[in-house]
Each structure stands twice: as structure tokens, then as C-alpha cells.
């Protein structure tokens, strides 16, 4: 099948072949460029995956640390509750007096500056 606007002479065939060859080269360059971009995206995706795994590991470790800290606070609160229920009011009074003493000493030092 022949196209109506296609040249029929030898010179026309040569220019058509060179145009075709130039388009092929341009397409090959674009494919190479696209291939390098895909490779870069692939390596970036792998790096992101590795970072996500590392961050998840750190979060799990932090969760474990918070759980142990929470259990420590719970046991301390249990001891303080037991101390207040036993009727050792002198200890609580000493604690309050000590806190007030520290507050007034701090206030005095800040005011002197």
C-alpha cells in the first residue's frame, strides 16, 4: 500500500530512511534515559523500604521501653498508695515540708539575682 504523500524518487527514500534512523536513535536515547530513571526510582524505593524497616524496629523498641517505664511508674504509685493507707502521715508531712523548703530556697535565689 502506497501513501499519497510519500516520495517515490531515490532522494526521497534516502531522506525518509535518515528521518526514520534519527527517530530510532532519538527513541533509543529516550529509552535509555527512561531506563536510568526507573533504575534510580527502584534504588530509591529499596532505600525507603530499608528505612521503614529500621524505623519500625526503633518504634517497637521504644514501645518496649515505654511499657517498662509504665510498669515502673505503676509499681511506684502502688507503693505510694500503700504508704498513705498505712497511716504514716509524718512521712507525708516531711515530704511536704521538704518541697516547701526547696520552693522557698529557689524563690530566694531567683529573687536575689
PDB file of N, CA and C in Angstrom:
ATOM      1  N   UNK A   1       0.841  -1.163   0.000  1.00  0.00           N
ATOM      2  CA  UNK A   1       0.000   0.000   0.000  1.00  0.00           C
ATOM      3  C   UNK A   1       0.896   1.239   0.000  1.00  0.00           C
ATOM      4  N   UNK A   2       0.572   2.130  -0.858  1.00  0.00           N
ATOM      5  CA  UNK A   2       1.383   3.317  -1.046  1.00  0.00           C
ATOM      6  C   UNK A   2       0.696   4.536  -0.491  1.00  0.00           C
ATOM      7  N   UNK A   3       1.472   5.382   0.161  1.00  0.00           N
ATOM      8  CA  UNK A   3       0.899   6.612   0.690  1.00  0.00           C
ATOM      9  C   UNK A   3       0.942   7.682  -0.385  1.00  0.00           C
ATOM     10  N   UNK A   4      -0.031   8.543  -0.355  1.00  0.00           N
ATOM     11  CA  UNK A   4      -0.145   9.567  -1.392  1.00  0.00           C
ATOM     12  C   UNK A   4       0.961  10.599  -1.288  1.00  0.00           C
ATOM     13  N   UNK A   5       1.409  10.900  -0.104  1.00  0.00           N
ATOM     14  CA  UNK A   5       2.391  11.963   0.038  1.00  0.00           C
ATOM     15  C   UNK A   5       3.823  11.427   0.159  1.00  0.00           C
ATOM     16  N   UNK A   6       4.033  10.128   0.044  1.00  0.00           N
ATOM     17  CA  UNK A   6       5.371   9.552   0.154  1.00  0.00           C
ATOM     18  C   UNK A   6       6.137   9.815  -1.132  1.00  0.00           C
ATOM     19  N   UNK A   7       7.395  10.247  -1.035  1.00  0.00           N
ATOM     20  CA  UNK A   7       8.193  10.489  -2.242  1.00  0.00           C
ATOM     21  C   UNK A   7       8.569   9.165  -2.906  1.00  0.00           C
ATOM     22  N   UNK A   8       8.666   9.200  -4.190  1.00  0.00           N
ATOM     23  CA  UNK A   8       8.942   7.977  -4.937  1.00  0.00           C
ATOM     24  C   UNK A   8      10.353   7.935  -5.495  1.00  0.00           C
ATOM     25  N   UNK A   9      11.071   9.037  -5.460  1.00  0.00           N
ATOM     26  CA  UNK A   9      12.417   9.018  -6.025  1.00  0.00           C
ATOM     27  C   UNK A   9      13.441   8.532  -5.001  1.00  0.00           C
ATOM     28  N   UNK A  10      14.636   8.309  -5.462  1.00  0.00           N
ATOM     29  CA  UNK A  10      15.710   7.784  -4.618  1.00  0.00           C
ATOM     30  C   UNK A  10      16.071   8.760  -3.502  1.00  0.00           C
ATOM     31  N   UNK A  11      16.133  10.027  -3.824  1.00  0.00           N
ATOM     32  CA  UNK A  11      16.484  11.040  -2.833  1.00  0.00           C
ATOM     33  C   UNK A  11      15.434  11.080  -1.726  1.00  0.00           C
ATOM     34  N   UNK A  12      14.174  10.930  -2.073  1.00  0.00           N
ATOM     35  CA  UNK A  12      13.092  10.925  -1.099  1.00  0.00           C
ATOM     36  C   UNK A  12      13.195   9.718  -0.184  1.00  0.00           C
ATOM     37  N   UNK A  13      13.535   8.555  -0.728  1.00  0.00           N
ATOM     38  CA  UNK A  13      13.711   7.353   0.077  1.00  0.00           C
ATOM     39  C   UNK A  13      14.864   7.514   1.057  1.00  0.00           C
ATOM     40  N   UNK A  14      15.942   8.142   0.622  1.00  0.00           N
ATOM     41  CA  UNK A  14      17.095   8.349   1.495  1.00  0.00           C
ATOM     42  C   UNK A  14      16.742   9.284   2.647  1.00  0.00           C
ATOM     43  N   UNK A  15      16.017  10.364   2.324  1.00  0.00           N
ATOM     44  CA  UNK A  15      15.654  11.300   3.397  1.00  0.00           C
ATOM     45  C   UNK A  15      14.667  10.641   4.350  1.00  0.00           C
ATOM     46  N   UNK A  16      13.811   9.797   3.806  1.00  0.00           N
ATOM     47  CA  UNK A  16      12.848   9.096   4.666  1.00  0.00           C
ATOM     48  C   UNK A  16      13.582   8.108   5.576  1.00  0.00           C
ATOM     49  N   UNK A  17      14.607   7.438   5.038  1.00  0.00           N
ATOM     50  CA  UNK A  17      15.379   6.499   5.842  1.00  0.00           C
ATOM     51  C   UNK A  17      16.180   7.223   6.929  1.00  0.00           C
ATOM     52  N   UNK A  18      16.785   8.346   6.580  1.00  0.00           N
ATOM     53  CA  UNK A  18      17.529   9.085   7.592  1.00  0.00           C
ATOM     54  C   UNK A  18      16.597   9.640   8.660  1.00  0.00           C
ATOM     55  N   UNK A  19      15.413  10.090   8.267  1.00  0.00           N
ATOM     56  CA  UNK A  19      14.440  10.550   9.263  1.00  0.00           C
ATOM     57  C   UNK A  19      14.055   9.393  10.181  1.00  0.00           C
ATOM     58  N   UNK A  20      13.830   8.260   9.565  1.00  0.00           N
ATOM     59  CA  UNK A  20      13.472   7.079  10.351  1.00  0.00           C
ATOM     60  C   UNK A  20      14.623   6.684  11.283  1.00  0.00           C
ATOM     61  N   UNK A  21      15.836   6.739  10.777  1.00  0.00           N
ATOM     62  CA  UNK A  21      17.009   6.399  11.577  1.00  0.00           C
ATOM     63  C   UNK A  21      17.190   7.391  12.734  1.00  0.00           C
ATOM     64  N   UNK A  22      16.988   8.674  12.463  1.00  0.00           N
ATOM     65  CA  UNK A  22      17.099   9.690  13.511  1.00  0.00           C
ATOM     66  C   UNK A  22      16.025   9.484  14.579  1.00  0.00           C
ATOM     67  N   UNK A  23      14.820   9.142  14.149  1.00  0.00           N
ATOM     68  CA  UNK A  23      13.750   8.881  15.115  1.00  0.00           C
ATOM     69  C   UNK A  23      14.075   7.660  15.967  1.00  0.00           C
ATOM     70  N   UNK A  24      14.638   6.643  15.347  1.00  0.00           N
ATOM     71  CA  UNK A  24      15.031   5.445  16.090  1.00  0.00           C
ATOM     72  C   UNK A  24      16.106   5.775  17.126  1.00  0.00           C
ATOM     73  N   UNK A  25      17.103   6.565  16.722  1.00  0.00           N
ATOM     74  CA  UNK A  25      18.155   6.958  17.656  1.00  0.00           C
ATOM     75  C   UNK A  25      17.581   7.790  18.808  1.00  0.00           C
ATOM     76  N   UNK A  26      16.687   8.703  18.459  1.00  0.00           N
ATOM     77  CA  UNK A  26      16.055   9.532  19.492  1.00  0.00           C
ATOM     78  C   UNK A  26      15.241   8.655  20.450  1.00  0.00           C
ATOM     79  N   UNK A  27      14.523   7.697  19.894  1.00  0.00           N
ATOM     80  CA  UNK A  27      13.753   6.778  20.739  1.00  0.00           C
ATOM     81  C   UNK A  27      14.668   5.943  21.626  1.00  0.00           C
ATOM     82  N   UNK A  28      15.791   5.485  21.082  1.00  0.00           N
ATOM     83  CA  UNK A  28      16.748   4.717  21.884  1.00  0.00           C
ATOM     84  C   UNK A  28      17.313   5.556  23.021  1.00  0.00           C
ATOM     85  N   UNK A  29      17.630   6.819  22.737  1.00  0.00           N
ATOM     86  CA  UNK A  29      18.126   7.708  23.789  1.00  0.00           C
ATOM     87  C   UNK A  29      17.065   7.923  24.868  1.00  0.00           C
ATOM     88  N   UNK A  30      15.821   8.095  24.440  1.00  0.00           N
ATOM     89  CA  UNK A  30      14.738   8.299  25.405  1.00  0.00           C
ATOM     90  C   UNK A  30      14.511   7.043  26.246  1.00  0.00           C
ATOM     91  N   UNK A  31      14.648   5.866  25.612  1.00  0.00           N
ATOM     92  CA  UNK A  31      14.500   4.610  26.350  1.00  0.00           C
ATOM     93  C   UNK A  31      15.626   4.473  27.371  1.00  0.00           C
ATOM     94  N   UNK A  32      16.852   4.805  26.965  1.00  0.00           N
ATOM     95  CA  UNK A  32      17.980   4.749  27.903  1.00  0.00           C
ATOM     96  C   UNK A  32      17.776   5.720  29.069  1.00  0.00           C
ATOM     97  N   UNK A  33      17.309   6.921  28.743  1.00  0.00           N
ATOM     98  CA  UNK A  33      17.055   7.918  29.778  1.00  0.00           C
ATOM     99  C   UNK A  33      15.957   7.439  30.733  1.00  0.00           C
ATOM    100  N   UNK A  34      14.906   6.885  30.166  1.00  0.00           N
ATOM    101  CA  UNK A  34      13.807   6.362  30.985  1.00  0.00           C
ATOM    102  C   UNK A  34      14.270   5.180  31.820  1.00  0.00           C
ATOM    103  N   UNK A  35      15.115   4.345  31.256  1.00  0.00           N
ATOM    104  CA  UNK A  35      15.647   3.197  31.988  1.00  0.00           C
ATOM    105  C   UNK A  35      16.489   3.648  33.181  1.00  0.00           C
ATOM    106  N   UNK A  36      17.293   4.691  33.002  1.00  0.00           N
ATOM    107  CA  UNK A  36      18.089   5.197  34.126  1.00  0.00           C
ATOM    108  C   UNK A  36      17.193   5.793  35.203  1.00  0.00           C
ATOM    109  N   UNK A  37      16.109   6.452  34.811  1.00  0.00           N
ATOM    110  CA  UNK A  37      15.173   6.997  35.790  1.00  0.00           C
ATOM    111  C   UNK A  37      14.475   5.875  36.557  1.00  0.00           C
ATOM    112  N   UNK A  38      14.101   4.813  35.850  1.00  0.00           N
ATOM    113  CA  UNK A  38      13.457   3.673  36.506  1.00  0.00           C
ATOM    114  C   UNK A  38      14.419   3.020  37.487  1.00  0.00           C
ATOM    115  N   UNK A  39      15.679   2.897  37.101  1.00  0.00           N
ATOM    116  CA  UNK A  39      16.691   2.319  37.993  1.00  0.00           C
ATOM    117  C   UNK A  39      16.865   3.179  39.242  1.00  0.00           C
ATOM    118  N   UNK A  40      16.888   4.503  39.055  1.00  0.00           N
ATOM    119  CA  UNK A  40      17.012   5.410  40.204  1.00  0.00           C
ATOM    120  C   UNK A  40      15.799   5.286  41.117  1.00  0.00           C
ATOM    121  N   UNK A  41      14.616   5.204  40.544  1.00  0.00           N
ATOM    122  CA  UNK A  41      13.402   5.037  41.347  1.00  0.00           C
ATOM    123  C   UNK A  41      13.410   3.706  42.091  1.00  0.00           C
ATOM    124  N   UNK A  42      13.913   2.674  41.441  1.00  0.00           N
ATOM    125  CA  UNK A  42      13.983   1.364  42.077  1.00  0.00           C
ATOM    126  C   UNK A  42      14.910   1.404  43.284  1.00  0.00           C
ATOM    127  N   UNK A  43      16.082   2.002  43.124  1.00  0.00           N
ATOM    128  CA  UNK A  43      17.019   2.073  44.245  1.00  0.00           C
ATOM    129  C   UNK A  43      16.459   2.961  45.359  1.00  0.00           C
ATOM    130  N   UNK A  44      15.771   4.034  44.986  1.00  0.00           N
ATOM    131  CA  UNK A  44      15.149   4.901  45.984  1.00  0.00           C
ATOM    132  C   UNK A  44      14.065   4.152  46.748  1.00  0.00           C
ATOM    133  N   UNK A  45      13.281   3.356  46.049  1.00  0.00           N
ATOM    134  CA  UNK A  45      12.226   2.573  46.689  1.00  0.00           C
ATOM    135  C   UNK A  45      12.819   1.546  47.646  1.00  0.00           C
ATOM    136  N   UNK A  46      13.904   0.924  47.257  1.00  0.00           N
ATOM    137  CA  UNK A  46      14.572  -0.044  48.134  1.00  0.00           C
ATOM    138  C   UNK A  46      15.099   0.658  49.381  1.00  0.00           C
ATOM    139  N   UNK A  47      15.695   1.840  49.196  1.00  0.00           N
ATOM    140  CA  UNK A  47      16.199   2.608  50.341  1.00  0.00           C
ATOM    141  C   UNK A  47      15.058   3.014  51.274  1.00  0.00           C
ATOM    142  N   UNK A  48      13.938   3.419  50.715  1.00  0.00           N
ATOM    143  CA  UNK A  48      12.774   3.787  51.539  1.00  0.00           C
ATOM    144  C   UNK A  48      12.281   2.572  52.315  1.00  0.00           C
ATOM    145  N   UNK A  49      12.243   1.419  51.670  1.00  0.00           N
ATOM    146  CA  UNK A  49      11.823   0.191  52.346  1.00  0.00           C
ATOM    147  C   UNK A  49      12.742  -0.161  53.503  1.00  0.00           C
ATOM    148  N   UNK A  50      14.042  -0.033  53.288  1.00  0.00           N
ATOM    149  CA  UNK A  50      15.003  -0.303  54.363  1.00  0.00           C
ATOM    150  C   UNK A  50      14.823   0.673  55.517  1.00  0.00           C
ATOM    151  N   UNK A  51      14.589   1.944  55.193  1.00  0.00           N
ATOM    152  CA  UNK A  51      14.393   2.948  56.237  1.00  0.00           C
ATOM    153  C   UNK A  51      13.112   2.680  57.029  1.00  0.00           C
ATOM    154  N   UNK A  52      12.064   2.244  56.334  1.00  0.00           N
ATOM    155  CA  UNK A  52      10.804   1.930  57.023  1.00  0.00           C
ATOM    156  C   UNK A  52      11.002   0.748  57.973  1.00  0.00           C
ATOM    157  N   UNK A  53      11.737  -0.264  57.527  1.00  0.00           N
ATOM    158  CA  UNK A  53      12.013  -1.404  58.412  1.00  0.00           C
ATOM    159  C   UNK A  53      12.794  -0.969  59.640  1.00  0.00           C
ATOM    160  N   UNK A  54      13.793  -0.107  59.448  1.00  0.00           N
ATOM    161  CA  UNK A  54      14.598   0.382  60.569  1.00  0.00           C
ATOM    162  C   UNK A  54      13.742   1.204  61.536  1.00  0.00           C
ATOM    163  N   UNK A  55      12.896   2.079  60.993  1.00  0.00           N
ATOM    164  CA  UNK A  55      12.054   2.912  61.845  1.00  0.00           C
ATOM    165  C   UNK A  55      11.032   2.067  62.610  1.00  0.00           C
ATOM    166  N   UNK A  56      10.484   1.030  61.969  1.00  0.00           N
ATOM    167  CA  UNK A  56       9.548   0.141  62.670  1.00  0.00           C
ATOM    168  C   UNK A  56      10.251  -0.593  63.809  1.00  0.00           C
ATOM    169  N   UNK A  57      11.484  -1.010  63.569  1.00  0.00           N
ATOM    170  CA  UNK A  57      12.262  -1.671  64.629  1.00  0.00           C
ATOM    171  C   UNK A  57      12.476  -0.718  65.798  1.00  0.00           C
ATOM    172  N   UNK A  58      12.839   0.532  65.498  1.00  0.00           N
ATOM    173  CA  UNK A  58      13.047   1.529  66.554  1.00  0.00           C
ATOM    174  C   UNK A  58      11.748   1.804  67.318  1.00  0.00           C
ATOM    175  N   UNK A  59      10.632   1.866  66.610  1.00  0.00           N
ATOM    176  CA  UNK A  59       9.343   2.088  67.269  1.00  0.00           C
ATOM    177  C   UNK A  59       8.984   0.930  68.193  1.00  0.00           C
ATOM    178  N   UNK A  60       9.258  -0.289  67.767  1.00  0.00           N
ATOM    179  CA  UNK A  60       8.988  -1.444  68.622  1.00  0.00           C
ATOM    180  C   UNK A  60       9.846  -1.407  69.879  1.00  0.00           C
ATOM    181  N   UNK A  61      11.113  -1.035  69.726  1.00  0.00           N
ATOM    182  CA  UNK A  61      11.990  -0.923  70.896  1.00  0.00           C
ATOM    183  C   UNK A  61      11.515   0.183  71.828  1.00  0.00           C
ATOM    184  N   UNK A  62      11.070   1.294  71.252  1.00  0.00           N
ATOM    185  CA  UNK A  62      10.579   2.397  72.064  1.00  0.00           C
ATOM    186  C   UNK A  62       9.295   1.992  72.791  1.00  0.00           C
ATOM    187  N   UNK A  63       8.448   1.217  72.130  1.00  0.00           N
ATOM    188  CA  UNK A  63       7.220   0.726  72.760  1.00  0.00           C
ATOM    189  C   UNK A  63       7.553  -0.151  73.962  1.00  0.00           C
ATOM    190  N   UNK A  64       8.559  -0.997  73.811  1.00  0.00           N
ATOM    191  CA  UNK A  64       9.002  -1.847  74.918  1.00  0.00           C
ATOM    192  C   UNK A  64       9.536  -0.998  76.075  1.00  0.00           C
ATOM    193  N   UNK A  65      10.314   0.032  75.746  1.00  0.00           N
ATOM    194  CA  UNK A  65      10.842   0.916  76.789  1.00  0.00           C
ATOM    195  C   UNK A  65       9.725   1.643  77.522  1.00  0.00           C
ATOM    196  N   UNK A  66       8.729   2.123  76.782  1.00  0.00           N
ATOM    197  CA  UNK A  66       7.609   2.802  77.431  1.00  0.00           C
ATOM    198  C   UNK A  66       6.805   1.849  78.306  1.00  0.00           C
ATOM    199  N   UNK A  67       6.662   0.611  77.864  1.00  0.00           N
ATOM    200  CA  UNK A  67       5.955  -0.372  78.690  1.00  0.00           C
ATOM    201  C   UNK A  67       6.688  -0.616  79.998  1.00  0.00           C
ATOM    202  N   UNK A  68       8.015  -0.735  79.924  1.00  0.00           N
ATOM    203  CA  UNK A  68       8.777  -0.949  81.160  1.00  0.00           C
ATOM    204  C   UNK A  68       8.726   0.292  82.040  1.00  0.00           C
ATOM    205  N   UNK A  69       8.747   1.470  81.449  1.00  0.00           N
ATOM    206  CA  UNK A  69       8.626   2.702  82.229  1.00  0.00           C
ATOM    207  C   UNK A  69       7.254   2.821  82.872  1.00  0.00           C
ATOM    208  N   UNK A  70       6.213   2.408  82.138  1.00  0.00           N
ATOM    209  CA  UNK A  70       4.862   2.430  82.692  1.00  0.00           C
ATOM    210  C   UNK A  70       4.707   1.478  83.859  1.00  0.00           C
ATOM    211  N   UNK A  71       5.316   0.302  83.742  1.00  0.00           N
ATOM    212  CA  UNK A  71       5.227  -0.654  84.854  1.00  0.00           C
ATOM    213  C   UNK A  71       6.001  -0.143  86.073  1.00  0.00           C
ATOM    214  N   UNK A  72       7.119   0.548  85.846  1.00  0.00           N
ATOM    215  CA  UNK A  72       7.870   1.139  86.950  1.00  0.00           C
ATOM    216  C   UNK A  72       7.035   2.213  87.652  1.00  0.00           C
ATOM    217  N   UNK A  73       6.370   3.060  86.867  1.00  0.00           N
ATOM    218  CA  UNK A  73       5.516   4.090  87.457  1.00  0.00           C
ATOM    219  C   UNK A  73       4.334   3.476  88.199  1.00  0.00           C
ATOM    220  N   UNK A  74       3.767   2.420  87.653  1.00  0.00           N
ATOM    221  CA  UNK A  74       2.639   1.755  88.318  1.00  0.00           C
ATOM    222  C   UNK A  74       3.062   1.177  89.659  1.00  0.00           C
ATOM    223  N   UNK A  75       4.229   0.554  89.694  1.00  0.00           N
ATOM    224  CA  UNK A  75       4.692  -0.016  90.963  1.00  0.00           C
ATOM    225  C   UNK A  75       5.014   1.089  91.975  1.00  0.00           C
ATOM    226  N   UNK A  76       5.564   2.194  91.521  1.00  0.00           N
ATOM    227  CA  UNK A  76       5.848   3.314  92.418  1.00  0.00           C
ATOM    228  C   UNK A  76       4.554   3.905  92.973  1.00  0.00           C
ATOM    229  N   UNK A  77       3.564   4.063  92.108  1.00  0.00           N
ATOM    230  CA  UNK A  77       2.270   4.580  92.577  1.00  0.00           C
ATOM    231  C   UNK A  77       1.630   3.609  93.561  1.00  0.00           C
ATOM    232  N   UNK A  78       1.781   2.329  93.343  1.00  0.00           N
ATOM    233  CA  UNK A  78       1.265   1.331  94.280  1.00  0.00           C
ATOM    234  C   UNK A  78       1.925   1.448  95.647  1.00  0.00           C
ATOM    235  N   UNK A  79       3.237   1.654  95.643  1.00  0.00           N
ATOM    236  CA  UNK A  79       3.947   1.833  96.910  1.00  0.00           C
ATOM    237  C   UNK A  79       3.521   3.117  97.619  1.00  0.00           C
ATOM    238  N   UNK A  80       3.341   4.197  96.858  1.00  0.00           N
ATOM    239  CA  UNK A  80       2.890   5.447  97.471  1.00  0.00           C
ATOM    240  C   UNK A  80       1.475   5.318  98.030  1.00  0.00           C
ATOM    241  N   UNK A  81       0.620   4.611  97.331  1.00  0.00           N
ATOM    242  CA  UNK A  81      -0.740   4.379  97.821  1.00  0.00           C
ATOM    243  C   UNK A  81      -0.709   3.550  99.094  1.00  0.00           C
ATOM    244  N   UNK A  82       0.118   2.512  99.102  1.00  0.00           N
ATOM    245  CA  UNK A  82       0.238   1.686 100.308  1.00  0.00           C
ATOM    246  C   UNK A  82       0.796   2.511 101.465  1.00  0.00           C
ATOM    247  N   UNK A  83       1.728   3.403 101.187  1.00  0.00           N
ATOM    248  CA  UNK A  83       2.310   4.247 102.231  1.00  0.00           C
ATOM    249  C   UNK A  83       1.263   5.184 102.831  1.00  0.00           C
ATOM    250  N   UNK A  84       0.415   5.749 101.987  1.00  0.00           N
ATOM    251  CA  UNK A  84      -0.609   6.664 102.505  1.00  0.00           C
ATOM    252  C   UNK A  84      -1.710   5.914 103.247  1.00  0.00           C
ATOM    253  N   UNK A  85      -1.996   4.691 102.874  1.00  0.00           N
ATOM    254  CA  UNK A  85      -3.048   3.919 103.548  1.00  0.00           C
ATOM    255  C   UNK A  85      -2.603   3.390 104.902  1.00  0.00           C
ATOM    256  N   UNK A  86      -1.304   3.236 105.106  1.00  0.00           N
ATOM    257  CA  UNK A  86      -0.808   2.694 106.371  1.00  0.00           C
ATOM    258  C   UNK A  86      -0.843   3.726 107.489  1.00  0.00           C
ATOM    259  N   UNK A  87      -1.057   4.964 107.170  1.00  0.00           N
ATOM    260  CA  UNK A  87      -1.176   5.978 108.197  1.00  0.00           C
ATOM    261  C   UNK A  87       0.132   6.624 108.573  1.00  0.00           C
ATOM    262  N   UNK A  88       1.109   6.549 107.742  1.00  0.00           N
ATOM    263  CA  UNK A  88       2.383   7.208 108.013  1.00  0.00           C
ATOM    264  C   UNK A  88       2.271   8.667 107.568  1.00  0.00           C
ATOM    265  N   UNK A  89       1.536   9.422 108.325  1.00  0.00           N
ATOM    266  CA  UNK A  89       1.308  10.812 107.954  1.00  0.00           C
ATOM    267  C   UNK A  89       2.538  11.673 108.196  1.00  0.00           C
ATOM    268  N   UNK A  90       3.407  11.250 109.104  1.00  0.00           N
ATOM    269  CA  UNK A  90       4.625  12.013 109.357  1.00  0.00           C
ATOM    270  C   UNK A  90       5.505  12.053 108.110  1.00  0.00           C
ATOM    271  N   UNK A  91       5.570  10.954 107.387  1.00  0.00           N
ATOM    272  CA  UNK A  91       6.383  10.900 106.177  1.00  0.00           C
ATOM    273  C   UNK A  91       5.841  11.865 105.133  1.00  0.00           C
ATOM    274  N   UNK A  92       4.524  11.908 104.998  1.00  0.00           N
ATOM    275  CA  UNK A  92       3.910  12.831 104.042  1.00  0.00           C
ATOM    276  C   UNK A  92       4.144  14.272 104.486  1.00  0.00           C
ATOM    277  N   UNK A  93       4.064  14.542 105.782  1.00  0.00           N
ATOM    278  CA  UNK A  93       4.317  15.881 106.291  1.00  0.00           C
ATOM    279  C   UNK A  93       5.768  16.288 106.013  1.00  0.00           C
ATOM    280  N   UNK A  94       6.716  15.376 106.229  1.00  0.00           N
ATOM    281  CA  UNK A  94       8.113  15.664 105.935  1.00  0.00           C
ATOM    282  C   UNK A  94       8.314  15.949 104.440  1.00  0.00           C
ATOM    283  N   UNK A  95       7.633  15.202 103.635  1.00  0.00           N
ATOM    284  CA  UNK A  95       7.735  15.393 102.188  1.00  0.00           C
ATOM    285  C   UNK A  95       7.201  16.765 101.790  1.00  0.00           C
ATOM    286  N   UNK A  96       6.080  17.172 102.345  1.00  0.00           N
ATOM    287  CA  UNK A  96       5.503  18.477 102.023  1.00  0.00           C
ATOM    288  C   UNK A  96       6.400  19.600 102.528  1.00  0.00           C
ATOM    289  N   UNK A  97       6.924  19.461 103.745  1.00  0.00           N
ATOM    290  CA  UNK A  97       7.827  20.478 104.297  1.00  0.00           C
ATOM    291  C   UNK A  97       9.088  20.578 103.455  1.00  0.00           C
ATOM    292  N   UNK A  98       9.625  19.458 103.027  1.00  0.00           N
ATOM    293  CA  UNK A  98      10.814  19.471 102.181  1.00  0.00           C
ATOM    294  C   UNK A  98      10.531  20.191 100.858  1.00  0.00           C
ATOM    295  N   UNK A  99       9.387  19.899 100.236  1.00  0.00           N
ATOM    296  CA  UNK A  99       9.027  20.560  98.972  1.00  0.00           C
ATOM    297  C   UNK A  99       8.902  22.070  99.168  1.00  0.00           C
ATOM    298  N   UNK A 100       8.262  22.483 100.248  1.00  0.00           N
ATOM    299  CA  UNK A 100       8.127  23.917 100.524  1.00  0.00           C
ATOM    300  C   UNK A 100       9.494  24.559 100.759  1.00  0.00           C
ATOM    301  N   UNK A 101      10.376  23.875 101.473  1.00  0.00           N
ATOM    302  CA  UNK A 101      11.715  24.386 101.714  1.00  0.00           C
ATOM    303  C   UNK A 101      12.463  24.591 100.393  1.00  0.00           C
ATOM    304  N   UNK A 102      12.407  23.601  99.509  1.00  0.00           N
ATOM    305  CA  UNK A 102      13.081  23.710  98.213  1.00  0.00           C
ATOM    306  C   UNK A 102      12.472  24.858  97.414  1.00  0.00           C
ATOM    307  N   UNK A 103      11.166  25.003  97.451  1.00  0.00           N
ATOM    308  CA  UNK A 103      10.497  26.087  96.727  1.00  0.00           C
ATOM    309  C   UNK A 103      10.971  27.448  97.229  1.00  0.00           C
ATOM    310  N   UNK A 104      11.000  27.643  98.562  1.00  0.00           N
ATOM    311  CA  UNK A 104      11.399  28.937  99.102  1.00  0.00           C
ATOM    312  C   UNK A 104      12.879  29.226  98.868  1.00  0.00           C
ATOM    313  N   UNK A 105      13.727  28.238  98.938  1.00  0.00           N
ATOM    314  CA  UNK A 105      15.146  28.443  98.645  1.00  0.00           C
ATOM    315  C   UNK A 105      15.318  28.838  97.182  1.00  0.00           C
ATOM    316  N   UNK A 106      14.627  28.167  96.290  1.00  0.00           N
ATOM    317  CA  UNK A 106      14.701  28.503  94.866  1.00  0.00           C
ATOM    318  C   UNK A 106      14.187  29.912  94.620  1.00  0.00           C
ATOM    319  N   UNK A 107      13.081  30.260  95.260  1.00  0.00           N
ATOM    320  CA  UNK A 107      12.496  31.587  95.097  1.00  0.00           C
ATOM    321  C   UNK A 107      13.470  32.661  95.598  1.00  0.00           C
ATOM    322  N   UNK A 108      14.129  32.392  96.740  1.00  0.00           N
ATOM    323  CA  UNK A 108      15.086  33.343  97.308  1.00  0.00           C
ATOM    324  C   UNK A 108      16.281  33.545  96.385  1.00  0.00           C
ATOM    325  N   UNK A 109      16.778  32.449  95.814  1.00  0.00           N
ATOM    326  CA  UNK A 109      17.939  32.529  94.915  1.00  0.00           C
ATOM    327  C   UNK A 109      17.576  33.308  93.654  1.00  0.00           C
ATOM    328  N   UNK A 110      16.407  33.055  93.110  1.00  0.00           N
ATOM    329  CA  UNK A 110      15.973  33.747  91.892  1.00  0.00           C
ATOM    330  C   UNK A 110      15.753  35.229  92.183  1.00  0.00           C
ATOM    331  N   UNK A 111      15.181  35.544  93.338  1.00  0.00           N
ATOM    332  CA  UNK A 111      14.902  36.938  93.677  1.00  0.00           C
ATOM    333  C   UNK A 111      16.194  37.717  93.926  1.00  0.00           C
ATOM    334  N   UNK A 112      17.227  37.084  94.461  1.00  0.00           N
ATOM    335  CA  UNK A 112      18.497  37.750  94.729  1.00  0.00           C
ATOM    336  C   UNK A 112      19.250  38.140  93.462  1.00  0.00           C
ATOM    337  N   UNK A 113      19.028  37.458  92.408  1.00  0.00           N
ATOM    338  CA  UNK A 113      19.751  37.736  91.146  1.00  0.00           C
ATOM    339  C   UNK A 113      19.325  39.025  90.626  1.00  0.00           C
TER     340      UNK A 113
END
